[in-house]
Structure formats: structure tokens, C-alpha cells
Amino acid sequence: MVSQRKININTASKDELIALPKIGDERAQTLLDNRPFDSWDEINDLPGFDEGLIRDLHNGGGYLGEEQEEEW
């Protein structure tokens, strides 16, 4: 099994954000423009983001703040 790279959404570069599932240039820029995030709900409220995408981000290695198990 390949180990998954963890990416802090609050500190990642645009290229690192684009590497996350279903995040292209436009969504990466939206994340950059609206940081920092304290909760996944804040990201869910952004245009172009929904619960399914947030789940994919979380399951794809994205995290907020201190690296920890975060519920979504």
C-alpha cells in the first residue's frame, strides 16, 4: 500500500492544492483567497464546493491546522 501524502489546506501552495482530488486551478485559487479555515464547514460554504468534494479532499490527504484525525 502506498502511503498518502498529507496536505495542510491552510499552508499548501497552489500546486499542492491542485494535487488534491478534484481540485483544479480555479478551486485552488478559491481556497488560497479564503484562507485560513478553522473548519471544513467554512470550505463547504465556498462556491464550487460541496459535501462530496469536502469528503474527497479529506479522504485524499487534505487537512486543516494541526495534522490530526478530523471528522467530516
PDB file of N, CA and C in Angstrom:
ATOM      1  N   MET A   1       0.840  -1.188   0.000  1.00  0.00           N
ATOM      2  CA  MET A   1       0.000   0.000   0.000  1.00  0.00           C
ATOM      3  C   MET A   1       0.884   1.251   0.000  1.00  0.00           C
ATOM      4  N   VAL A   2       0.544   2.220  -0.834  1.00  0.00           N
ATOM      5  CA  VAL A   2       1.307   3.453  -0.935  1.00  0.00           C
ATOM      6  C   VAL A   2       0.844   4.412   0.153  1.00  0.00           C
ATOM      7  N   SER A   3       1.798   5.032   0.823  1.00  0.00           N
ATOM      8  CA  SER A   3       1.456   5.992   1.859  1.00  0.00           C
ATOM      9  C   SER A   3       0.968   7.284   1.215  1.00  0.00           C
ATOM     10  N   GLN A   4      -0.085   7.821   1.773  1.00  0.00           N
ATOM     11  CA  GLN A   4      -0.714   9.017   1.227  1.00  0.00           C
ATOM     12  C   GLN A   4      -0.069  10.266   1.821  1.00  0.00           C
ATOM     13  N   ARG A   5       0.232  11.213   0.974  1.00  0.00           N
ATOM     14  CA  ARG A   5       0.809  12.483   1.428  1.00  0.00           C
ATOM     15  C   ARG A   5      -0.291  13.349   2.024  1.00  0.00           C
ATOM     16  N   LYS A   6      -0.014  13.932   3.177  1.00  0.00           N
ATOM     17  CA  LYS A   6      -0.956  14.826   3.838  1.00  0.00           C
ATOM     18  C   LYS A   6      -0.655  16.263   3.414  1.00  0.00           C
ATOM     19  N   ILE A   7      -1.704  17.022   3.117  1.00  0.00           N
ATOM     20  CA  ILE A   7      -1.545  18.395   2.655  1.00  0.00           C
ATOM     21  C   ILE A   7      -2.400  19.312   3.530  1.00  0.00           C
ATOM     22  N   ASN A   8      -1.742  20.259   4.195  1.00  0.00           N
ATOM     23  CA  ASN A   8      -2.447  21.230   5.027  1.00  0.00           C
ATOM     24  C   ASN A   8      -3.053  22.291   4.110  1.00  0.00           C
ATOM     25  N   ILE A   9      -4.358  22.329   4.050  1.00  0.00           N
ATOM     26  CA  ILE A   9      -5.056  23.240   3.157  1.00  0.00           C
ATOM     27  C   ILE A   9      -4.768  24.698   3.511  1.00  0.00           C
ATOM     28  N   ASN A  10      -4.461  24.973   4.759  1.00  0.00           N
ATOM     29  CA  ASN A  10      -4.187  26.342   5.183  1.00  0.00           C
ATOM     30  C   ASN A  10      -2.786  26.835   4.842  1.00  0.00           C
ATOM     31  N   THR A  11      -1.864  25.941   4.497  1.00  0.00           N
ATOM     32  CA  THR A  11      -0.490  26.368   4.214  1.00  0.00           C
ATOM     33  C   THR A  11       0.042  25.881   2.866  1.00  0.00           C
ATOM     34  N   ALA A  12      -0.699  25.045   2.186  1.00  0.00           N
ATOM     35  CA  ALA A  12      -0.232  24.445   0.929  1.00  0.00           C
ATOM     36  C   ALA A  12      -0.101  25.491  -0.178  1.00  0.00           C
ATOM     37  N   SER A  13       0.831  25.228  -1.075  1.00  0.00           N
ATOM     38  CA  SER A  13       0.966  26.063  -2.265  1.00  0.00           C
ATOM     39  C   SER A  13      -0.181  25.743  -3.231  1.00  0.00           C
ATOM     40  N   LYS A  14      -0.330  26.564  -4.234  1.00  0.00           N
ATOM     41  CA  LYS A  14      -1.365  26.327  -5.237  1.00  0.00           C
ATOM     42  C   LYS A  14      -1.153  24.978  -5.915  1.00  0.00           C
ATOM     43  N   ASP A  15       0.079  24.654  -6.247  1.00  0.00           N
ATOM     44  CA  ASP A  15       0.371  23.370  -6.902  1.00  0.00           C
ATOM     45  C   ASP A  15       0.028  22.194  -5.993  1.00  0.00           C
ATOM     46  N   GLU A  16       0.290  22.332  -4.693  1.00  0.00           N
ATOM     47  CA  GLU A  16      -0.057  21.261  -3.751  1.00  0.00           C
ATOM     48  C   GLU A  16      -1.570  21.103  -3.657  1.00  0.00           C
ATOM     49  N   LEU A  17      -2.290  22.211  -3.646  1.00  0.00           N
ATOM     50  CA  LEU A  17      -3.750  22.132  -3.602  1.00  0.00           C
ATOM     51  C   LEU A  17      -4.299  21.472  -4.862  1.00  0.00           C
ATOM     52  N   ILE A  18      -3.751  21.819  -6.008  1.00  0.00           N
ATOM     53  CA  ILE A  18      -4.201  21.234  -7.273  1.00  0.00           C
ATOM     54  C   ILE A  18      -3.992  19.717  -7.278  1.00  0.00           C
ATOM     55  N   ALA A  19      -3.007  19.238  -6.538  1.00  0.00           N
ATOM     56  CA  ALA A  19      -2.735  17.796  -6.484  1.00  0.00           C
ATOM     57  C   ALA A  19      -3.803  17.026  -5.702  1.00  0.00           C
ATOM     58  N   LEU A  20      -4.634  17.727  -4.936  1.00  0.00           N
ATOM     59  CA  LEU A  20      -5.700  17.067  -4.189  1.00  0.00           C
ATOM     60  C   LEU A  20      -6.829  16.647  -5.133  1.00  0.00           C
ATOM     61  N   PRO A  21      -7.609  15.636  -4.749  1.00  0.00           N
ATOM     62  CA  PRO A  21      -8.693  15.155  -5.613  1.00  0.00           C
ATOM     63  C   PRO A  21      -9.680  16.253  -5.995  1.00  0.00           C
ATOM     64  N   LYS A  22      -9.967  16.349  -7.289  1.00  0.00           N
ATOM     65  CA  LYS A  22     -10.993  17.223  -7.849  1.00  0.00           C
ATOM     66  C   LYS A  22     -10.736  18.718  -7.645  1.00  0.00           C
ATOM     67  N   ILE A  23      -9.491  19.083  -7.345  1.00  0.00           N
ATOM     68  CA  ILE A  23      -9.143  20.497  -7.183  1.00  0.00           C
ATOM     69  C   ILE A  23      -8.319  20.919  -8.391  1.00  0.00           C
ATOM     70  N   GLY A  24      -8.880  21.777  -9.175  1.00  0.00           N
ATOM     71  CA  GLY A  24      -8.153  22.334 -10.308  1.00  0.00           C
ATOM     72  C   GLY A  24      -7.675  23.731  -9.964  1.00  0.00           C
ATOM     73  N   ASP A  25      -7.283  24.453 -10.986  1.00  0.00           N
ATOM     74  CA  ASP A  25      -6.746  25.794 -10.806  1.00  0.00           C
ATOM     75  C   ASP A  25      -7.733  26.730 -10.117  1.00  0.00           C
ATOM     76  N   GLU A  26      -8.985  26.731 -10.560  1.00  0.00           N
ATOM     77  CA  GLU A  26      -9.975  27.667 -10.025  1.00  0.00           C
ATOM     78  C   GLU A  26     -10.303  27.374  -8.558  1.00  0.00           C
ATOM     79  N   ARG A  27     -10.525  26.115  -8.208  1.00  0.00           N
ATOM     80  CA  ARG A  27     -10.822  25.777  -6.815  1.00  0.00           C
ATOM     81  C   ARG A  27      -9.612  26.028  -5.911  1.00  0.00           C
ATOM     82  N   ALA A  28      -8.421  25.738  -6.419  1.00  0.00           N
ATOM     83  CA  ALA A  28      -7.213  26.011  -5.626  1.00  0.00           C
ATOM     84  C   ALA A  28      -7.114  27.499  -5.319  1.00  0.00           C
ATOM     85  N   GLN A  29      -7.389  28.330  -6.310  1.00  0.00           N
ATOM     86  CA  GLN A  29      -7.327  29.781  -6.094  1.00  0.00           C
ATOM     87  C   GLN A  29      -8.393  30.221  -5.094  1.00  0.00           C
ATOM     88  N   THR A  30      -9.582  29.636  -5.156  1.00  0.00           N
ATOM     89  CA  THR A  30     -10.636  29.957  -4.191  1.00  0.00           C
ATOM     90  C   THR A  30     -10.177  29.624  -2.775  1.00  0.00           C
ATOM     91  N   LEU A  31      -9.535  28.481  -2.609  1.00  0.00           N
ATOM     92  CA  LEU A  31      -9.019  28.113  -1.287  1.00  0.00           C
ATOM     93  C   LEU A  31      -7.961  29.114  -0.821  1.00  0.00           C
ATOM     94  N   LEU A  32      -7.043  29.460  -1.711  1.00  0.00           N
ATOM     95  CA  LEU A  32      -5.990  30.413  -1.358  1.00  0.00           C
ATOM     96  C   LEU A  32      -6.577  31.772  -0.954  1.00  0.00           C
ATOM     97  N   ASP A  33      -7.575  32.213  -1.682  1.00  0.00           N
ATOM     98  CA  ASP A  33      -8.161  33.533  -1.446  1.00  0.00           C
ATOM     99  C   ASP A  33      -8.971  33.617  -0.155  1.00  0.00           C
ATOM    100  N   ASN A  34      -9.386  32.477   0.377  1.00  0.00           N
ATOM    101  CA  ASN A  34     -10.275  32.478   1.539  1.00  0.00           C
ATOM    102  C   ASN A  34      -9.651  31.900   2.799  1.00  0.00           C
ATOM    103  N   ARG A  35      -8.359  31.573   2.774  1.00  0.00           N
ATOM    104  CA  ARG A  35      -7.707  31.019   3.958  1.00  0.00           C
ATOM    105  C   ARG A  35      -7.517  32.095   5.006  1.00  0.00           C
ATOM    106  N   PRO A  36      -7.363  31.723   6.251  1.00  0.00           N
ATOM    107  CA  PRO A  36      -7.325  30.366   6.793  1.00  0.00           C
ATOM    108  C   PRO A  36      -8.724  29.838   7.113  1.00  0.00           C
ATOM    109  N   PHE A  37      -8.801  28.513   7.213  1.00  0.00           N
ATOM    110  CA  PHE A  37     -10.043  27.826   7.544  1.00  0.00           C
ATOM    111  C   PHE A  37      -9.903  27.173   8.908  1.00  0.00           C
ATOM    112  N   ASP A  38     -10.944  27.318   9.714  1.00  0.00           N
ATOM    113  CA  ASP A  38     -10.974  26.672  11.020  1.00  0.00           C
ATOM    114  C   ASP A  38     -11.777  25.379  11.000  1.00  0.00           C
ATOM    115  N   SER A  39     -12.619  25.234   9.965  1.00  0.00           N
ATOM    116  CA  SER A  39     -13.447  24.033   9.890  1.00  0.00           C
ATOM    117  C   SER A  39     -13.749  23.698   8.433  1.00  0.00           C
ATOM    118  N   TRP A  40     -14.105  22.447   8.205  1.00  0.00           N
ATOM    119  CA  TRP A  40     -14.495  22.011   6.868  1.00  0.00           C
ATOM    120  C   TRP A  40     -15.781  22.706   6.432  1.00  0.00           C
ATOM    121  N   ASP A  41     -16.627  23.074   7.385  1.00  0.00           N
ATOM    122  CA  ASP A  41     -17.868  23.776   7.047  1.00  0.00           C
ATOM    123  C   ASP A  41     -17.588  25.094   6.333  1.00  0.00           C
ATOM    124  N   GLU A  42     -16.521  25.774   6.710  1.00  0.00           N
ATOM    125  CA  GLU A  42     -16.161  27.030   6.044  1.00  0.00           C
ATOM    126  C   GLU A  42     -15.827  26.780   4.578  1.00  0.00           C
ATOM    127  N   ILE A  43     -15.161  25.681   4.289  1.00  0.00           N
ATOM    128  CA  ILE A  43     -14.840  25.344   2.894  1.00  0.00           C
ATOM    129  C   ILE A  43     -16.108  24.932   2.162  1.00  0.00           C
ATOM    130  N   ASN A  44     -16.971  24.197   2.836  1.00  0.00           N
ATOM    131  CA  ASN A  44     -18.229  23.752   2.242  1.00  0.00           C
ATOM    132  C   ASN A  44     -19.091  24.933   1.796  1.00  0.00           C
ATOM    133  N   ASP A  45     -18.950  26.084   2.444  1.00  0.00           N
ATOM    134  CA  ASP A  45     -19.732  27.271   2.102  1.00  0.00           C
ATOM    135  C   ASP A  45     -19.194  28.025   0.886  1.00  0.00           C
ATOM    136  N   LEU A  46     -18.009  27.658   0.410  1.00  0.00           N
ATOM    137  CA  LEU A  46     -17.420  28.341  -0.743  1.00  0.00           C
ATOM    138  C   LEU A  46     -18.101  27.908  -2.038  1.00  0.00           C
ATOM    139  N   PRO A  47     -18.175  28.811  -3.034  1.00  0.00           N
ATOM    140  CA  PRO A  47     -18.732  28.430  -4.335  1.00  0.00           C
ATOM    141  C   PRO A  47     -17.896  27.320  -4.972  1.00  0.00           C
ATOM    142  N   GLY A  48     -18.562  26.314  -5.508  1.00  0.00           N
ATOM    143  CA  GLY A  48     -17.872  25.220  -6.176  1.00  0.00           C
ATOM    144  C   GLY A  48     -17.478  24.075  -5.266  1.00  0.00           C
ATOM    145  N   PHE A  49     -17.822  24.169  -3.987  1.00  0.00           N
ATOM    146  CA  PHE A  49     -17.501  23.124  -3.024  1.00  0.00           C
ATOM    147  C   PHE A  49     -18.803  22.580  -2.435  1.00  0.00           C
ATOM    148  N   ASP A  50     -18.835  21.272  -2.195  1.00  0.00           N
ATOM    149  CA  ASP A  50     -19.995  20.660  -1.553  1.00  0.00           C
ATOM    150  C   ASP A  50     -19.516  19.521  -0.654  1.00  0.00           C
ATOM    151  N   GLU A  51     -20.445  18.880   0.032  1.00  0.00           N
ATOM    152  CA  GLU A  51     -20.066  17.846   0.994  1.00  0.00           C
ATOM    153  C   GLU A  51     -19.273  16.709   0.357  1.00  0.00           C
ATOM    154  N   GLY A  52     -19.664  16.299  -0.844  1.00  0.00           N
ATOM    155  CA  GLY A  52     -18.943  15.221  -1.522  1.00  0.00           C
ATOM    156  C   GLY A  52     -17.504  15.601  -1.832  1.00  0.00           C
ATOM    157  N   LEU A  53     -17.306  16.812  -2.299  1.00  0.00           N
ATOM    158  CA  LEU A  53     -15.958  17.290  -2.608  1.00  0.00           C
ATOM    159  C   LEU A  53     -15.127  17.422  -1.332  1.00  0.00           C
ATOM    160  N   ILE A  54     -15.748  17.920  -0.262  1.00  0.00           N
ATOM    161  CA  ILE A  54     -15.031  18.042   1.013  1.00  0.00           C
ATOM    162  C   ILE A  54     -14.600  16.666   1.500  1.00  0.00           C
ATOM    163  N   ARG A  55     -15.477  15.691   1.374  1.00  0.00           N
ATOM    164  CA  ARG A  55     -15.145  14.323   1.781  1.00  0.00           C
ATOM    165  C   ARG A  55     -13.963  13.803   0.954  1.00  0.00           C
ATOM    166  N   ASP A  56     -13.989  14.060  -0.358  1.00  0.00           N
ATOM    167  CA  ASP A  56     -12.880  13.635  -1.218  1.00  0.00           C
ATOM    168  C   ASP A  56     -11.574  14.329  -0.822  1.00  0.00           C
ATOM    169  N   LEU A  57     -11.648  15.615  -0.496  1.00  0.00           N
ATOM    170  CA  LEU A  57     -10.452  16.347  -0.051  1.00  0.00           C
ATOM    171  C   LEU A  57      -9.881  15.722   1.218  1.00  0.00           C
ATOM    172  N   HIS A  58     -10.749  15.498   2.177  1.00  0.00           N
ATOM    173  CA  HIS A  58     -10.332  14.928   3.460  1.00  0.00           C
ATOM    174  C   HIS A  58      -9.758  13.528   3.259  1.00  0.00           C
ATOM    175  N   ASN A  59     -10.459  12.700   2.502  1.00  0.00           N
ATOM    176  CA  ASN A  59     -10.000  11.325   2.259  1.00  0.00           C
ATOM    177  C   ASN A  59      -8.772  11.281   1.354  1.00  0.00           C
ATOM    178  N   GLY A  60      -8.558  12.349   0.580  1.00  0.00           N
ATOM    179  CA  GLY A  60      -7.425  12.409  -0.341  1.00  0.00           C
ATOM    180  C   GLY A  60      -6.167  12.999   0.266  1.00  0.00           C
ATOM    181  N   GLY A  61      -6.181  13.269   1.568  1.00  0.00           N
ATOM    182  CA  GLY A  61      -4.973  13.747   2.228  1.00  0.00           C
ATOM    183  C   GLY A  61      -5.019  15.180   2.719  1.00  0.00           C
ATOM    184  N   GLY A  62      -6.096  15.899   2.440  1.00  0.00           N
ATOM    185  CA  GLY A  62      -6.200  17.269   2.914  1.00  0.00           C
ATOM    186  C   GLY A  62      -6.559  17.324   4.385  1.00  0.00           C
ATOM    187  N   TYR A  63      -6.004  18.290   5.083  1.00  0.00           N
ATOM    188  CA  TYR A  63      -6.354  18.503   6.488  1.00  0.00           C
ATOM    189  C   TYR A  63      -6.233  19.979   6.816  1.00  0.00           C
ATOM    190  N   LEU A  64      -6.807  20.352   7.944  1.00  0.00           N
ATOM    191  CA  LEU A  64      -6.786  21.742   8.410  1.00  0.00           C
ATOM    192  C   LEU A  64      -5.992  21.832   9.697  1.00  0.00           C
ATOM    193  N   GLY A  65      -5.182  22.866   9.830  1.00  0.00           N
ATOM    194  CA  GLY A  65      -4.459  23.091  11.082  1.00  0.00           C
ATOM    195  C   GLY A  65      -3.499  21.979  11.421  1.00  0.00           C
ATOM    196  N   GLU A  66      -3.444  21.647  12.696  1.00  0.00           N
ATOM    197  CA  GLU A  66      -2.566  20.574  13.153  1.00  0.00           C
ATOM    198  C   GLU A  66      -3.020  19.262  12.525  1.00  0.00           C
ATOM    199  N   GLU A  67      -2.069  18.470  12.071  1.00  0.00           N
ATOM    200  CA  GLU A  67      -2.415  17.199  11.449  1.00  0.00           C
ATOM    201  C   GLU A  67      -3.035  16.297  12.507  1.00  0.00           C
ATOM    202  N   GLN A  68      -4.250  15.911  12.242  1.00  0.00           N
ATOM    203  CA  GLN A  68      -4.986  15.064  13.176  1.00  0.00           C
ATOM    204  C   GLN A  68      -6.133  14.408  12.450  1.00  0.00           C
ATOM    205  N   GLU A  69      -6.767  13.472  13.100  1.00  0.00           N
ATOM    206  CA  GLU A  69      -7.948  12.858  12.535  1.00  0.00           C
ATOM    207  C   GLU A  69      -9.088  13.849  12.690  1.00  0.00           C
ATOM    208  N   GLU A  70      -9.594  14.325  11.598  1.00  0.00           N
ATOM    209  CA  GLU A  70     -10.705  15.277  11.627  1.00  0.00           C
ATOM    210  C   GLU A  70     -11.929  14.593  11.061  1.00  0.00           C
ATOM    211  N   GLU A  71     -13.041  14.785  11.694  1.00  0.00           N
ATOM    212  CA  GLU A  71     -14.291  14.208  11.207  1.00  0.00           C
ATOM    213  C   GLU A  71     -14.882  15.086  10.136  1.00  0.00           C
ATOM    214  N   TRP A  72     -15.455  14.458   9.146  1.00  0.00           N
ATOM    215  CA  TRP A  72     -16.288  15.195   8.205  1.00  0.00           C
ATOM    216  C   TRP A  72     -17.528  14.400   7.971  1.00  0.00           C
TER     217      TRP A  72
END
